[in-house]
């Protein structure tokens, strides 16, 4: 399997991190119109989603989420934690 992270630029890595953070915290999908997300979508790392809610009125939230490949690509750029002493 080729290493996806070797192709990521710093803006692409930061874009993946923004989405990953939103997913971990459990908020609405990351919303942005930046071109980097279109590039990441073509690479298969992110996808657009649309959440519809009903409350005081119809509410539609459009945003970006990571694909499995996107999670792998982002997580493979993170440095591995050091070995814990005594473990």
N, C-alpha and C. Protein backbone atom coordinates (compact mmCIF):
# COMPACT_ATOMS: atom_id res chain seq x y z
N UNK A 1 0.85 -1.18 0.00
CA UNK A 1 0.00 0.00 0.00
C UNK A 1 0.89 1.24 0.00
N UNK A 2 0.70 2.18 -0.94
CA UNK A 2 1.53 3.37 -0.98
C UNK A 2 1.23 4.29 0.20
N UNK A 3 2.23 5.03 0.60
CA UNK A 3 2.06 5.96 1.71
C UNK A 3 1.37 7.22 1.21
N UNK A 4 0.15 7.45 1.66
CA UNK A 4 -0.62 8.62 1.25
C UNK A 4 -0.02 9.89 1.82
N UNK A 5 0.48 9.83 3.05
CA UNK A 5 0.94 11.04 3.72
C UNK A 5 2.13 11.68 3.03
N UNK A 6 2.88 10.93 2.24
CA UNK A 6 4.05 11.49 1.57
C UNK A 6 3.63 12.49 0.49
N UNK A 7 2.36 12.42 0.03
CA UNK A 7 1.87 13.33 -0.99
C UNK A 7 1.19 14.55 -0.42
N UNK A 8 0.92 14.58 0.87
CA UNK A 8 0.17 15.67 1.46
C UNK A 8 1.04 16.90 1.65
N UNK A 9 0.49 18.05 1.26
CA UNK A 9 1.16 19.33 1.54
C UNK A 9 0.75 19.76 2.94
N UNK A 10 1.42 20.75 3.47
CA UNK A 10 1.09 21.23 4.81
C UNK A 10 -0.35 21.79 4.87
N UNK A 11 -0.81 22.59 3.88
CA UNK A 11 -2.21 23.03 3.93
C UNK A 11 -3.20 21.86 3.88
N UNK A 12 -2.89 20.82 3.13
CA UNK A 12 -3.77 19.65 3.08
C UNK A 12 -3.80 18.93 4.42
N UNK A 13 -2.64 18.77 5.04
CA UNK A 13 -2.58 18.12 6.35
C UNK A 13 -3.36 18.92 7.39
N UNK A 14 -3.24 20.24 7.36
CA UNK A 14 -3.97 21.08 8.30
C UNK A 14 -5.48 21.02 8.06
N UNK A 15 -5.89 20.93 6.80
CA UNK A 15 -7.31 20.79 6.48
C UNK A 15 -7.86 19.48 7.03
N UNK A 16 -7.11 18.40 6.87
CA UNK A 16 -7.54 17.11 7.43
C UNK A 16 -7.63 17.19 8.95
N UNK A 17 -6.68 17.90 9.57
CA UNK A 17 -6.68 18.04 11.03
C UNK A 17 -7.92 18.79 11.50
N UNK A 18 -8.32 19.83 10.77
CA UNK A 18 -9.53 20.58 11.16
C UNK A 18 -10.76 19.67 11.15
N UNK A 19 -10.88 18.86 10.12
CA UNK A 19 -12.04 17.96 10.03
C UNK A 19 -11.96 16.90 11.12
N UNK A 20 -10.78 16.33 11.30
CA UNK A 20 -10.58 15.28 12.31
C UNK A 20 -10.95 15.80 13.70
N UNK A 21 -10.55 17.04 14.00
CA UNK A 21 -10.86 17.63 15.29
C UNK A 21 -12.36 17.76 15.48
N UNK A 22 -13.07 18.20 14.46
CA UNK A 22 -14.53 18.33 14.55
C UNK A 22 -15.17 16.97 14.78
N UNK A 23 -14.65 15.94 14.13
CA UNK A 23 -15.22 14.60 14.31
C UNK A 23 -14.99 14.07 15.72
N UNK A 24 -13.79 14.30 16.25
CA UNK A 24 -13.46 13.81 17.59
C UNK A 24 -14.30 14.53 18.64
N UNK A 25 -14.47 15.84 18.51
CA UNK A 25 -15.23 16.63 19.47
C UNK A 25 -16.73 16.32 19.35
N UNK A 26 -17.16 15.92 18.16
CA UNK A 26 -18.55 15.55 17.97
C UNK A 26 -19.44 16.72 17.59
N UNK A 27 -18.89 17.72 16.92
CA UNK A 27 -19.70 18.86 16.50
C UNK A 27 -20.21 18.66 15.08
N UNK A 28 -20.80 19.69 14.52
CA UNK A 28 -21.27 19.64 13.14
C UNK A 28 -20.10 19.43 12.19
N UNK A 29 -20.34 18.98 10.97
CA UNK A 29 -19.25 18.80 10.01
C UNK A 29 -18.52 20.11 9.77
N UNK A 30 -17.25 20.00 9.43
CA UNK A 30 -16.44 21.19 9.15
C UNK A 30 -17.00 21.89 7.91
N UNK A 31 -17.24 23.19 8.02
CA UNK A 31 -17.80 23.95 6.91
C UNK A 31 -16.74 24.88 6.35
N UNK A 32 -16.50 24.77 5.06
CA UNK A 32 -15.50 25.61 4.40
C UNK A 32 -15.73 25.59 2.90
N UNK A 33 -15.36 26.68 2.24
CA UNK A 33 -15.40 26.76 0.79
C UNK A 33 -14.00 26.80 0.19
N UNK A 34 -13.00 26.50 1.00
CA UNK A 34 -11.61 26.56 0.53
C UNK A 34 -11.35 25.50 -0.55
N UNK A 35 -10.52 25.84 -1.49
CA UNK A 35 -10.21 24.93 -2.60
C UNK A 35 -9.51 23.66 -2.15
N UNK A 36 -8.79 23.74 -1.05
CA UNK A 36 -8.03 22.57 -0.60
C UNK A 36 -8.96 21.39 -0.36
N UNK A 37 -10.20 21.66 0.05
CA UNK A 37 -11.14 20.56 0.32
C UNK A 37 -11.59 19.88 -0.97
N UNK A 38 -11.69 20.66 -2.04
CA UNK A 38 -12.02 20.05 -3.34
C UNK A 38 -10.89 19.14 -3.81
N UNK A 39 -9.65 19.57 -3.57
CA UNK A 39 -8.49 18.75 -3.92
C UNK A 39 -8.50 17.46 -3.10
N UNK A 40 -8.76 17.58 -1.81
CA UNK A 40 -8.80 16.40 -0.94
C UNK A 40 -9.95 15.48 -1.32
N UNK A 41 -11.05 16.06 -1.79
CA UNK A 41 -12.18 15.24 -2.25
C UNK A 41 -11.78 14.43 -3.48
N UNK A 42 -11.07 15.06 -4.41
CA UNK A 42 -10.61 14.34 -5.61
C UNK A 42 -9.61 13.23 -5.23
N UNK A 43 -8.87 13.43 -4.16
CA UNK A 43 -7.92 12.42 -3.69
C UNK A 43 -8.63 11.30 -2.93
N UNK A 44 -9.92 11.48 -2.62
CA UNK A 44 -10.67 10.47 -1.90
C UNK A 44 -10.48 10.51 -0.40
N UNK A 45 -10.01 11.64 0.13
CA UNK A 45 -9.73 11.74 1.56
C UNK A 45 -10.86 12.38 2.36
N UNK A 46 -11.70 13.17 1.70
CA UNK A 46 -12.84 13.80 2.36
C UNK A 46 -14.07 13.65 1.47
N UNK A 47 -15.22 13.84 2.07
CA UNK A 47 -16.45 13.84 1.29
C UNK A 47 -17.40 14.88 1.87
N UNK A 48 -18.25 15.41 1.00
CA UNK A 48 -19.26 16.39 1.43
C UNK A 48 -20.44 15.66 2.04
N UNK A 49 -20.99 16.25 3.07
CA UNK A 49 -22.20 15.70 3.69
C UNK A 49 -23.21 16.83 3.86
N UNK A 50 -24.45 16.43 3.99
CA UNK A 50 -25.53 17.39 4.22
C UNK A 50 -26.40 16.84 5.32
N UNK A 51 -26.49 17.57 6.41
CA UNK A 51 -27.33 17.17 7.54
C UNK A 51 -28.55 18.08 7.57
N UNK A 52 -29.71 17.47 7.60
CA UNK A 52 -30.95 18.25 7.68
C UNK A 52 -31.57 18.03 9.05
N UNK A 53 -31.94 19.14 9.65
CA UNK A 53 -32.57 19.07 10.96
C UNK A 53 -33.87 19.83 10.95
N UNK A 54 -34.73 19.50 11.86
CA UNK A 54 -36.00 20.20 11.97
C UNK A 54 -36.11 20.71 13.40
N UNK A 55 -36.35 21.97 13.52
CA UNK A 55 -36.50 22.57 14.84
C UNK A 55 -37.47 23.71 14.70
N UNK A 56 -37.00 24.91 14.90
CA UNK A 56 -37.84 26.09 14.71
C UNK A 56 -38.05 26.37 13.23
N UNK A 57 -37.30 25.72 12.40
CA UNK A 57 -37.42 25.86 10.96
C UNK A 57 -36.51 24.83 10.32
N UNK A 58 -36.62 24.68 9.04
CA UNK A 58 -35.76 23.71 8.37
C UNK A 58 -34.32 24.22 8.41
N UNK A 59 -33.41 23.37 8.78
CA UNK A 59 -32.01 23.72 8.90
C UNK A 59 -31.19 22.70 8.14
N UNK A 60 -30.37 23.17 7.22
CA UNK A 60 -29.49 22.27 6.47
C UNK A 60 -28.06 22.71 6.70
N UNK A 61 -27.22 21.77 7.12
CA UNK A 61 -25.80 22.05 7.34
C UNK A 61 -25.00 21.22 6.36
N UNK A 62 -24.21 21.90 5.55
CA UNK A 62 -23.34 21.22 4.60
C UNK A 62 -21.90 21.36 5.07
N UNK A 63 -21.17 20.28 4.98
CA UNK A 63 -19.79 20.33 5.43
C UNK A 63 -18.98 19.16 4.93
N UNK A 64 -17.82 18.99 5.51
CA UNK A 64 -16.86 17.97 5.10
C UNK A 64 -16.61 16.99 6.22
N UNK A 65 -16.48 15.71 5.87
CA UNK A 65 -16.08 14.66 6.81
C UNK A 65 -14.95 13.85 6.16
N UNK A 66 -14.19 13.18 7.00
CA UNK A 66 -13.10 12.34 6.50
C UNK A 66 -13.63 11.00 6.02
N UNK A 67 -13.02 10.47 4.98
CA UNK A 67 -13.27 9.09 4.59
C UNK A 67 -12.32 8.23 5.41
N UNK A 68 -12.42 6.92 5.30
CA UNK A 68 -11.47 6.05 6.01
C UNK A 68 -10.05 6.33 5.53
N UNK A 69 -9.89 6.55 4.23
CA UNK A 69 -8.56 6.87 3.70
C UNK A 69 -8.06 8.19 4.26
N UNK A 70 -8.97 9.15 4.46
CA UNK A 70 -8.59 10.44 5.03
C UNK A 70 -8.14 10.31 6.47
N UNK A 71 -8.83 9.48 7.23
CA UNK A 71 -8.41 9.26 8.63
C UNK A 71 -7.02 8.61 8.66
N UNK A 72 -6.83 7.63 7.80
CA UNK A 72 -5.52 6.97 7.74
C UNK A 72 -4.44 7.96 7.34
N UNK A 73 -4.72 8.77 6.31
CA UNK A 73 -3.74 9.73 5.83
C UNK A 73 -3.38 10.72 6.93
N UNK A 74 -4.39 11.24 7.64
CA UNK A 74 -4.10 12.20 8.70
C UNK A 74 -3.34 11.54 9.84
N UNK A 75 -3.83 10.41 10.31
CA UNK A 75 -3.20 9.75 11.46
C UNK A 75 -1.78 9.28 11.16
N UNK A 76 -1.50 8.95 9.90
CA UNK A 76 -0.15 8.51 9.57
C UNK A 76 0.84 9.67 9.54
N UNK A 77 0.35 10.91 9.55
CA UNK A 77 1.25 12.06 9.61
C UNK A 77 1.60 12.43 11.04
N UNK A 78 0.85 11.89 12.00
CA UNK A 78 1.10 12.21 13.40
C UNK A 78 2.31 11.43 13.89
N UNK A 79 3.07 12.07 14.73
CA UNK A 79 4.24 11.39 15.28
C UNK A 79 3.80 10.38 16.34
N UNK A 80 4.43 9.24 16.32
CA UNK A 80 4.11 8.20 17.30
C UNK A 80 4.58 8.67 18.68
N UNK A 81 3.78 8.40 19.69
CA UNK A 81 4.21 8.79 21.05
C UNK A 81 5.46 8.00 21.44
N UNK A 82 6.26 8.62 22.25
CA UNK A 82 7.48 7.96 22.72
C UNK A 82 7.14 6.77 23.60
N UNK A 83 8.10 5.90 23.72
CA UNK A 83 7.87 4.72 24.56
C UNK A 83 7.79 5.13 26.02
N UNK A 84 6.84 4.57 26.72
CA UNK A 84 6.63 4.88 28.12
C UNK A 84 7.63 4.08 28.95
N UNK A 85 8.32 4.75 29.84
CA UNK A 85 9.30 4.05 30.68
C UNK A 85 8.58 3.06 31.59
N UNK A 86 9.15 1.91 31.71
CA UNK A 86 8.59 0.88 32.59
C UNK A 86 7.52 0.04 31.91
N UNK A 87 7.23 0.35 30.65
CA UNK A 87 6.17 -0.43 29.99
C UNK A 87 6.76 -1.62 29.29
